[in-house]
Amino acid sequence: MPEAVMPLLMFLSLFLLLVLGFPVAFTLGGVSLFFGVLTFGFDFFNLLPMRIWGTMTNYVLLAVPLFVYMGVMLEKSGIAERLLETMALLFGRLRGGLAISVVIVGAILAASTGIVGATVVTMGLLSLPTMLKRGYSPELATGTIAASGTLGQIIPPSIVLVLLGSILNVSIGDMFVSAMIPGLMLVGLYLFWIIGVAIFKPEWAPAMPKDVLEKFRSQNMGKTILEAFVIPFFLVLAVLGSIFAGIASPTEAAAVGAFGATLLTLAQKRFNFETLKSVMQETAHLTSMVFIILVGASAFALVFRGMHGDRYLSELILEANLGEGSFLFIVMLAVFIAGFFIDFIEIIFIIVPVVAPIFQQMGVDLLWVGILLAMNLQTSFLTPPFGFSLFYLKGVAPEGISTGHLYRGILPYIAIQLIALLAIVAFPELATWLPKALVGK
């Protein structure tokens, strides 16, 4: 059997087992062990522990459980609930004001937590019934909530950016800074779409009743706004500000954020033993899921490279005379299609380690590639049939909201994300200008 066939067989075996529904983490590890022993014999077991140890002692990856803890703790604090209610009343007099408030709160929560599931569920529970009650189109309401909840994938601090930066060997701080403009651009495009809908289809996005707004204004509105916005602002400032100012590394800033979220929960009088126990259990569960997949992916990458799969792939691309643009298009298309079927973590650990050396060999800016991948991976939470944001939202949606509503509602936002992705491809400065400007290059 030709040597080049073995890496291909390994990839096909992995894909087939994932399609059949086997757990990703154990499938990655199992396929890697089988092909590792088949190719290298039992000496493979002398190599694997060193590779796993190197991954698990990576200081940068310590930011993952800390950011997860911060996000889950903030969910329990009630800050998101207060922020949503206040923002909805602030924009309530505008047509589409409720939808606008959902997008802005989604961006603020993204910069505070970065936990997509918690954000979507929180906004779904609090905003969706209100939007439907006020006469919003089910498609517009569900699409806006699902899309806004995924902003935590691109707006820092983001676990996606931490994992991508680690695998691409790019500074996590640079990844965070680079993602700011694309993330804000995406928020702006969402708002532009909602305003357009409110103008051309006003019956889909009516304004809130005047009596509700007048009641809000008469009940110490200034104090309510101040309390709702100041608390998350200081947490964002502590986390992102310390990174951008060069005071703390992303891992250290994640620790500051975790401690700050605990203090805020304490200040909101929501902190008790049950809350702490729940937060720690959820953090341990999510972190374990990420790291067991990472262990399997490390084993997979070790075997793939041991088979010279990366060399064969490079030779195939060079022989096909694929330029940078063509190869980038193929990778982005593969990531986008993979997002229909598997989670972003799996895509990062399976595809990115294979293509990163080829981009590096071509002389492509890996920071720019990382932002493109992050923006593309965000669609993995939105694309039917396995978009996790859609699952989260469907789980908390009231009766009468069908899967069809969710699918139709999310399509415009998927199109918006693809437009933003194309803009960053056409104008790389959108991702690379800010880090260079901050360091004075």
Protein backbone atom coordinates (compact mmCIF):
# COMPACT_ATOMS: atom_id res chain seq x y z
CA MET A 1 0.00 0.00 0.00
CA PRO A 2 1.43 3.44 -0.94
CA GLU A 3 2.46 5.50 2.10
CA ALA A 4 0.31 8.44 1.00
CA VAL A 5 -2.83 6.30 1.31
CA MET A 6 -2.54 5.80 5.09
CA PRO A 7 -3.14 9.45 6.11
CA LEU A 8 -6.11 9.54 3.75
CA LEU A 9 -7.53 6.36 5.27
CA MET A 10 -7.12 7.81 8.75
CA PHE A 11 -9.03 10.97 7.77
CA LEU A 12 -11.80 8.98 6.09
CA SER A 13 -12.12 6.64 9.11
CA LEU A 14 -12.42 9.61 11.45
CA PHE A 15 -15.03 11.30 9.26
CA LEU A 16 -17.08 8.10 8.89
CA LEU A 17 -17.13 7.41 12.63
CA LEU A 18 -18.13 11.03 13.40
CA VAL A 19 -20.97 10.84 10.87
CA LEU A 20 -22.15 7.60 12.52
CA GLY A 21 -22.44 9.52 15.80
CA PHE A 22 -19.50 8.26 17.86
CA PRO A 23 -18.22 10.71 20.54
CA VAL A 24 -15.65 13.07 19.04
CA ALA A 25 -13.05 12.95 21.83
CA PHE A 26 -12.89 9.14 21.98
CA THR A 27 -13.10 8.78 18.21
CA LEU A 28 -10.10 11.08 17.75
CA GLY A 29 -8.10 9.16 20.35
CA GLY A 30 -9.24 5.72 19.19
CA VAL A 31 -8.51 6.29 15.50
CA SER A 32 -5.12 7.79 16.41
CA LEU A 33 -4.18 4.79 18.58
CA PHE A 34 -5.22 2.29 15.91
CA PHE A 35 -3.31 3.93 13.06
CA GLY A 36 -0.40 4.83 15.34
CA VAL A 37 0.15 1.18 16.33
CA LEU A 38 -0.50 0.05 12.74
CA THR A 39 2.14 2.43 11.40
CA PHE A 40 4.78 2.62 14.14
CA GLY A 41 4.16 -0.49 16.22
CA PHE A 42 4.14 -0.38 20.02
CA ASP A 43 6.92 2.23 20.05
CA PHE A 44 4.09 4.67 19.39
CA PHE A 45 3.21 4.47 23.11
CA ASN A 46 6.63 5.89 23.97
CA LEU A 47 5.93 9.02 21.91
CA LEU A 48 2.31 9.71 22.86
CA PRO A 49 2.74 10.57 26.61
CA MET A 50 5.36 13.23 25.81
CA ARG A 51 3.07 14.82 23.24
CA ILE A 52 0.09 14.88 25.64
CA TRP A 53 2.26 16.21 28.49
CA GLY A 54 3.47 19.07 26.28
CA THR A 55 -0.13 20.00 25.48
CA MET A 56 -1.45 19.78 29.03
CA THR A 57 1.38 21.91 30.45
CA ASN A 58 0.74 24.73 27.96
CA TYR A 59 0.41 27.83 30.18
CA VAL A 60 -1.70 29.69 27.60
CA LEU A 61 -4.45 27.05 27.72
CA LEU A 62 -4.96 27.76 31.43
CA ALA A 63 -7.05 30.71 30.22
CA VAL A 64 -9.76 28.30 29.02
CA PRO A 65 -11.12 27.14 32.41
CA LEU A 66 -10.71 30.66 33.84
CA PHE A 67 -12.77 32.28 31.07
CA VAL A 68 -15.37 29.50 31.34
CA TYR A 69 -15.60 30.08 35.11
CA MET A 70 -15.98 33.84 34.55
CA GLY A 71 -18.79 33.36 32.06
CA VAL A 72 -20.75 30.84 34.11
CA MET A 73 -20.38 32.92 37.29
CA LEU A 74 -21.66 36.03 35.50
CA GLU A 75 -24.65 34.06 34.27
CA LYS A 76 -25.52 33.23 37.87
CA SER A 77 -25.04 36.85 39.03
CA GLY A 78 -28.14 38.19 37.25
CA ILE A 79 -26.13 40.92 35.50
CA ALA A 80 -27.19 39.72 32.05
CA GLU A 81 -30.85 39.79 33.06
CA ARG A 82 -30.68 43.39 34.32
CA LEU A 83 -28.70 44.51 31.28
CA LEU A 84 -31.23 43.04 28.85
CA GLU A 85 -34.24 44.55 30.60
CA THR A 86 -32.66 48.03 30.79
CA MET A 87 -31.43 48.04 27.20
CA ALA A 88 -34.81 46.90 25.88
CA LEU A 89 -36.52 49.83 27.60
CA LEU A 90 -33.88 52.31 26.39
CA PHE A 91 -34.46 51.39 22.73
CA GLY A 92 -38.13 50.51 23.15
CA ARG A 93 -39.51 53.64 21.47
CA LEU A 94 -37.81 52.75 18.17
CA ARG A 95 -39.19 50.27 15.66
CA GLY A 96 -36.94 47.26 16.00
CA GLY A 97 -35.69 48.65 19.32
CA LEU A 98 -36.03 45.32 21.13
CA ALA A 99 -33.99 43.54 18.45
CA ILE A 100 -31.37 46.33 18.52
CA SER A 101 -31.08 45.95 22.30
CA VAL A 102 -30.60 42.18 21.95
CA VAL A 103 -27.67 42.70 19.54
CA ILE A 104 -25.99 45.32 21.75
CA VAL A 105 -26.45 43.23 24.90
CA GLY A 106 -25.10 40.21 23.00
CA ALA A 107 -21.96 42.20 22.19
CA ILE A 108 -21.56 43.38 25.81
CA LEU A 109 -22.05 39.86 27.17
CA ALA A 110 -19.58 38.56 24.57
CA ALA A 111 -16.97 40.99 25.88
CA SER A 112 -17.84 39.99 29.45
CA THR A 113 -18.17 36.22 29.21
CA GLY A 114 -17.60 34.64 25.80
CA ILE A 115 -19.84 31.67 26.73
CA VAL A 116 -22.24 31.17 23.83
CA GLY A 117 -24.61 28.65 25.40
CA ALA A 118 -25.21 30.77 28.51
CA THR A 119 -25.76 33.94 26.45
CA VAL A 120 -28.24 32.36 24.02
CA VAL A 121 -30.22 30.67 26.78
CA THR A 122 -30.34 33.82 28.92
CA MET A 123 -31.47 36.05 26.05
CA GLY A 124 -33.87 33.41 24.81
CA LEU A 125 -35.57 33.12 28.19
CA LEU A 126 -35.75 36.88 28.81
CA SER A 127 -36.19 38.44 25.37
CA LEU A 128 -37.96 35.96 23.11
CA PRO A 129 -41.32 35.89 24.99
CA THR A 130 -41.28 39.71 25.21
CA MET A 131 -40.47 40.14 21.50
CA LEU A 132 -43.26 37.76 20.49
CA LYS A 133 -45.68 39.47 22.89
CA ARG A 134 -44.84 42.86 21.31
CA GLY A 135 -45.70 41.53 17.83
CA TYR A 136 -42.23 40.73 16.48
CA SER A 137 -41.89 38.29 13.61
CA PRO A 138 -40.84 34.90 15.04
CA GLU A 139 -38.13 34.64 12.38
CA LEU A 140 -36.63 38.04 13.19
CA ALA A 141 -36.81 37.43 16.94
CA THR A 142 -35.24 33.96 16.92
CA GLY A 143 -32.61 34.83 14.29
CA THR A 144 -31.50 37.95 16.17
CA ILE A 145 -31.17 36.14 19.51
CA ALA A 146 -29.29 33.14 18.06
CA ALA A 147 -26.88 35.33 16.05
CA SER A 148 -26.26 37.80 18.88
CA GLY A 149 -25.54 34.98 21.29
CA THR A 150 -22.67 33.75 19.11
CA LEU A 151 -20.81 37.08 19.14
CA GLY A 152 -18.80 35.63 22.02
CA GLN A 153 -17.00 33.51 19.42
CA ILE A 154 -15.32 36.52 17.76
CA ILE A 155 -15.46 39.36 20.32
CA PRO A 156 -12.69 38.86 22.94
CA PRO A 157 -12.26 37.34 25.43
CA SER A 158 -13.12 34.30 23.32
CA ILE A 159 -12.19 30.68 23.91
CA VAL A 160 -12.09 30.22 20.13
CA LEU A 161 -9.37 32.88 19.86
CA VAL A 162 -7.41 31.30 22.74
CA LEU A 163 -7.47 27.85 21.10
CA LEU A 164 -6.70 29.19 17.61
CA GLY A 165 -3.84 31.32 18.89
CA SER A 166 -2.37 28.33 20.72
CA ILE A 167 -2.51 26.05 17.67
CA LEU A 168 -1.35 28.70 15.18
CA ASN A 169 1.43 29.74 17.60
CA VAL A 170 0.20 33.35 17.47
CA SER A 171 0.06 35.67 20.49
CA ILE A 172 -3.35 35.41 22.20
CA GLY A 173 -3.16 39.14 22.99
CA ASP A 174 -2.67 39.92 19.28
CA MET A 175 -5.60 37.64 18.43
CA PHE A 176 -7.80 39.52 20.90
CA VAL A 177 -6.79 42.93 19.54
CA SER A 178 -7.18 41.80 15.91
CA ALA A 179 -10.70 40.52 16.55
CA MET A 180 -12.01 43.85 17.85
CA ILE A 181 -12.66 45.53 14.47
CA PRO A 182 -14.17 42.41 12.79
CA GLY A 183 -16.35 41.82 15.86
CA LEU A 184 -17.65 45.40 15.95
CA MET A 185 -18.15 45.32 12.17
CA LEU A 186 -20.34 42.25 12.59
CA VAL A 187 -22.39 44.01 15.28
CA GLY A 188 -22.82 46.99 12.93
CA LEU A 189 -24.01 44.76 10.09
CA TYR A 190 -26.52 43.06 12.38
CA LEU A 191 -27.90 46.45 13.43
CA PHE A 192 -28.01 47.62 9.80
CA TRP A 193 -30.12 44.57 8.88
CA ILE A 194 -32.54 45.12 11.79
CA ILE A 195 -32.98 48.81 10.95
CA GLY A 196 -33.64 47.85 7.32
CA VAL A 197 -36.27 45.33 8.38
CA ALA A 198 -37.89 47.94 10.67
CA ILE A 199 -38.09 50.42 7.76
CA PHE A 200 -39.32 48.10 5.02
CA LYS A 201 -41.27 45.59 7.14
CA PRO A 202 -42.46 47.68 10.14
CA GLU A 203 -45.04 45.07 11.11
CA TRP A 204 -42.18 42.63 11.85
CA ALA A 205 -40.56 44.93 14.43
CA PRO A 206 -43.01 47.26 16.21
CA ALA A 207 -42.09 49.77 18.93
CA MET A 208 -42.92 49.14 22.58
CA PRO A 209 -46.10 50.69 24.05
CA LYS A 210 -45.74 54.22 25.43
CA ASP A 211 -47.16 53.34 28.84
CA VAL A 212 -44.38 50.79 29.47
CA LEU A 213 -41.70 53.34 28.56
CA GLU A 214 -43.27 56.09 30.66
CA LYS A 215 -43.35 53.78 33.68
CA PHE A 216 -39.62 53.06 33.18
CA ARG A 217 -38.75 56.77 32.94
CA SER A 218 -40.70 57.57 36.10
CA GLN A 219 -38.88 54.96 38.24
CA ASN A 220 -35.40 56.39 38.76
CA MET A 221 -34.26 55.63 35.20
CA GLY A 222 -30.78 57.14 35.62
CA LYS A 223 -29.86 54.93 38.56
CA THR A 224 -31.15 51.82 36.81
CA ILE A 225 -29.10 52.55 33.67
CA LEU A 226 -25.99 53.30 35.70
CA GLU A 227 -26.20 50.06 37.70
CA ALA A 228 -26.95 47.97 34.61
CA PHE A 229 -24.02 49.27 32.52
CA VAL A 230 -21.27 50.19 34.97
CA ILE A 231 -20.82 46.69 36.44
CA PRO A 232 -20.17 44.81 33.16
CA PHE A 233 -18.13 47.77 31.85
CA PHE A 234 -15.63 47.52 34.71
CA LEU A 235 -15.25 43.78 34.19
CA VAL A 236 -14.59 44.26 30.45
CA LEU A 237 -12.13 47.04 31.30
CA ALA A 238 -10.33 44.83 33.83
CA VAL A 239 -9.98 41.89 31.42
CA LEU A 240 -9.46 43.45 27.99
CA GLY A 241 -7.90 46.67 29.25
CA SER A 242 -5.16 44.79 31.12
CA ILE A 243 -4.36 42.77 27.98
CA PHE A 244 -4.39 45.70 25.53
CA ALA A 245 -2.32 47.86 27.90
CA GLY A 246 0.29 45.12 28.23
CA ILE A 247 -0.22 44.87 31.99
CA ALA A 248 -1.30 41.23 31.98
CA SER A 249 -1.08 38.21 29.70
CA PRO A 250 -4.40 36.70 28.52
CA THR A 251 -4.04 33.93 31.11
CA GLU A 252 -3.47 36.44 33.91
CA ALA A 253 -6.34 38.60 32.65
CA ALA A 254 -8.60 35.52 32.66
CA ALA A 255 -7.74 35.03 36.33
CA VAL A 256 -8.59 38.69 37.00
CA GLY A 257 -11.91 38.18 35.19
CA ALA A 258 -12.74 35.03 37.15
CA PHE A 259 -12.01 36.79 40.46
CA GLY A 260 -13.92 39.90 39.33
CA ALA A 261 -16.97 37.84 38.32
CA THR A 262 -16.97 36.24 41.77
CA LEU A 263 -16.84 39.65 43.47
CA LEU A 264 -19.67 40.96 41.28
CA THR A 265 -21.84 37.95 42.11
CA LEU A 266 -21.09 38.59 45.77
CA ALA A 267 -22.06 42.27 45.35
CA GLN A 268 -25.35 41.22 43.73
CA LYS A 269 -26.05 39.01 46.79
CA ARG A 270 -26.29 35.96 44.53
CA PHE A 271 -23.17 34.24 45.87
CA ASN A 272 -23.65 31.18 48.09
CA PHE A 273 -22.38 27.62 48.39
CA GLU A 274 -24.91 26.23 45.90
CA THR A 275 -23.98 28.87 43.33
CA LEU A 276 -20.27 28.17 43.74
CA LYS A 277 -20.83 24.41 43.52
CA SER A 278 -22.93 24.79 40.35
CA VAL A 279 -20.40 27.11 38.70
CA MET A 280 -17.46 24.84 39.52
CA GLN A 281 -19.25 21.72 38.27
CA GLU A 282 -20.19 23.38 34.98
CA THR A 283 -16.68 24.79 34.57
CA ALA A 284 -15.13 21.37 35.21
CA HIS A 285 -17.52 19.74 32.73
CA LEU A 286 -16.87 22.22 29.90
CA THR A 287 -13.12 22.34 30.53
CA SER A 288 -12.85 18.54 30.61
CA MET A 289 -14.72 18.34 27.30
CA VAL A 290 -12.32 20.80 25.67
CA PHE A 291 -9.17 19.17 27.00
CA ILE A 292 -10.13 15.55 26.27
CA ILE A 293 -10.78 16.59 22.67
CA LEU A 294 -7.45 18.41 22.70
CA VAL A 295 -5.67 15.23 23.88
CA GLY A 296 -7.29 13.21 21.09
CA ALA A 297 -6.44 15.90 18.55
CA SER A 298 -2.81 15.97 19.72
CA ALA A 299 -2.57 12.20 19.21
CA PHE A 300 -4.20 12.54 15.79
CA ALA A 301 -1.78 15.27 14.72
CA LEU A 302 1.19 13.20 15.97
CA VAL A 303 0.19 10.18 13.88
CA PHE A 304 -0.73 12.26 10.84
CA ARG A 305 2.65 13.98 10.82
CA GLY A 306 4.43 10.73 11.61
CA MET A 307 2.88 9.31 8.44
CA HIS A 308 4.18 12.42 6.62
CA GLY A 309 0.56 13.35 5.88
CA ASP A 310 1.40 17.06 6.15
CA ARG A 311 4.21 16.61 3.60
CA TYR A 312 1.96 14.74 1.16
CA LEU A 313 -0.71 17.41 1.51
CA SER A 314 1.83 20.17 0.90
CA GLU A 315 3.17 18.36 -2.17
CA LEU A 316 -0.36 17.85 -3.49
CA ILE A 317 -1.14 21.56 -3.15
CA LEU A 318 2.18 22.60 -4.72
CA GLU A 319 1.74 20.16 -7.62
CA ALA A 320 -1.78 21.48 -8.19
CA ASN A 321 -0.25 24.98 -8.47
CA LEU A 322 -2.70 26.33 -5.91
CA GLY A 323 -1.94 29.92 -4.98
CA GLU A 324 -2.53 31.48 -1.60
CA GLY A 325 -6.01 32.63 -2.58
CA SER A 326 -7.11 29.26 -3.95
CA PHE A 327 -5.83 27.36 -0.93
CA LEU A 328 -7.46 29.85 1.45
CA PHE A 329 -10.78 29.44 -0.39
CA ILE A 330 -10.60 25.63 -0.12
CA VAL A 331 -9.80 25.78 3.61
CA MET A 332 -12.54 28.30 4.33
CA LEU A 333 -15.07 26.26 2.34
CA ALA A 334 -14.05 23.08 4.18
CA VAL A 335 -14.39 24.80 7.57
CA PHE A 336 -17.77 26.28 6.62
CA ILE A 337 -19.14 22.90 5.45
CA ALA A 338 -17.68 21.12 8.50
CA GLY A 339 -19.55 23.62 10.67
CA PHE A 340 -22.83 22.10 9.47
CA PHE A 341 -21.96 18.81 11.13
CA ILE A 342 -19.37 19.19 13.91
CA ASP A 343 -18.57 21.63 16.72
CA PHE A 344 -16.05 24.49 16.45
CA ILE A 345 -13.67 22.85 18.96
CA GLU A 346 -13.46 19.72 16.83
CA ILE A 347 -12.85 21.77 13.68
CA ILE A 348 -10.05 23.71 15.38
CA PHE A 349 -8.28 20.56 16.57
CA ILE A 350 -8.77 18.48 13.41
CA ILE A 351 -8.37 20.88 10.47
CA VAL A 352 -6.27 23.80 11.73
CA PRO A 353 -3.14 21.83 12.77
CA VAL A 354 -3.05 20.31 9.26
CA VAL A 355 -3.39 23.54 7.26
CA ALA A 356 -1.40 25.91 9.53
CA PRO A 357 2.07 24.70 8.40
CA ILE A 358 1.03 25.09 4.75
CA PHE A 359 -0.11 28.67 5.30
CA GLN A 360 3.19 29.33 7.08
CA GLN A 361 5.13 27.78 4.20
CA MET A 362 3.25 30.06 1.78
CA GLY A 363 4.19 33.11 3.83
CA VAL A 364 0.59 33.96 4.75
CA ASP A 365 0.03 36.08 7.88
CA LEU A 366 -1.22 33.53 10.46
CA LEU A 367 -2.82 36.29 12.56
CA TRP A 368 -5.04 37.20 9.59
CA VAL A 369 -5.78 33.49 8.95
CA GLY A 370 -6.71 33.07 12.63
CA ILE A 371 -9.30 35.86 12.49
CA LEU A 372 -10.74 34.48 9.24
CA LEU A 373 -11.04 31.05 10.83
CA ALA A 374 -12.65 32.52 13.96
CA MET A 375 -15.22 34.40 11.89
CA ASN A 376 -15.88 31.28 9.82
CA LEU A 377 -16.11 29.05 12.88
CA GLN A 378 -18.77 31.34 14.32
CA THR A 379 -21.10 30.06 11.61
CA SER A 380 -20.74 26.53 13.05
CA PHE A 381 -23.04 27.70 15.85
CA LEU A 382 -25.65 28.99 13.41
CA THR A 383 -25.76 26.71 10.38
CA PRO A 384 -28.55 24.12 10.25
CA PRO A 385 -29.00 21.28 10.90
CA PHE A 386 -26.54 21.09 13.85
CA GLY A 387 -26.08 24.74 14.85
CA PHE A 388 -25.66 24.65 18.62
CA SER A 389 -27.16 28.12 19.12
CA LEU A 390 -30.31 26.89 17.39
CA PHE A 391 -30.44 23.90 19.74
CA TYR A 392 -29.96 26.12 22.79
CA LEU A 393 -32.68 28.52 21.66
CA LYS A 394 -35.14 25.80 20.67
CA GLY A 395 -34.74 24.31 24.14
CA VAL A 396 -36.02 27.48 25.84
CA ALA A 397 -38.38 28.79 23.14
CA PRO A 398 -42.08 29.06 24.01
CA GLU A 399 -44.71 26.93 22.32
CA GLY A 400 -45.46 27.93 18.74
CA ILE A 401 -41.81 28.50 17.80
CA SER A 402 -40.92 25.78 15.30
CA THR A 403 -37.58 24.62 13.93
CA GLY A 404 -38.64 26.21 10.64
CA HIS A 405 -38.85 29.62 12.34
CA LEU A 406 -35.31 29.18 13.63
CA TYR A 407 -33.90 28.08 10.27
CA ARG A 408 -35.58 30.86 8.29
CA GLY A 409 -34.66 33.46 10.90
CA ILE A 410 -30.97 32.61 10.95
CA LEU A 411 -30.40 32.63 7.17
CA PRO A 412 -29.97 36.45 6.84
CA TYR A 413 -27.43 36.43 9.68
CA ILE A 414 -25.43 33.63 8.06
CA ALA A 415 -25.36 35.75 4.89
CA ILE A 416 -24.19 38.76 6.93
CA GLN A 417 -21.36 36.73 8.44
CA LEU A 418 -20.25 35.57 5.00
CA ILE A 419 -20.24 39.19 3.82
CA ALA A 420 -18.08 40.16 6.81
CA LEU A 421 -15.76 37.23 6.09
CA LEU A 422 -15.35 38.30 2.45
CA ALA A 423 -14.64 41.87 3.59
CA ILE A 424 -11.77 40.66 5.80
CA VAL A 425 -10.43 38.53 2.93
CA ALA A 426 -10.53 41.53 0.59
CA PHE A 427 -9.17 43.97 3.18
CA PRO A 428 -6.76 42.14 5.54
CA GLU A 429 -6.06 45.45 7.32
CA LEU A 430 -9.42 45.06 9.07
CA ALA A 431 -7.77 42.30 11.11
CA THR A 432 -4.11 43.34 11.12
CA TRP A 433 -4.14 47.13 11.42
CA LEU A 434 -5.08 47.53 15.10
CA PRO A 435 -2.34 45.28 16.60
CA LYS A 436 0.30 47.08 14.53
CA ALA A 437 -1.09 50.48 15.48
CA LEU A 438 -1.05 49.64 19.20
CA VAL A 439 2.60 48.58 19.18
CA GLY A 440 3.61 51.45 16.88
CA LYS A 441 4.81 49.30 14.00
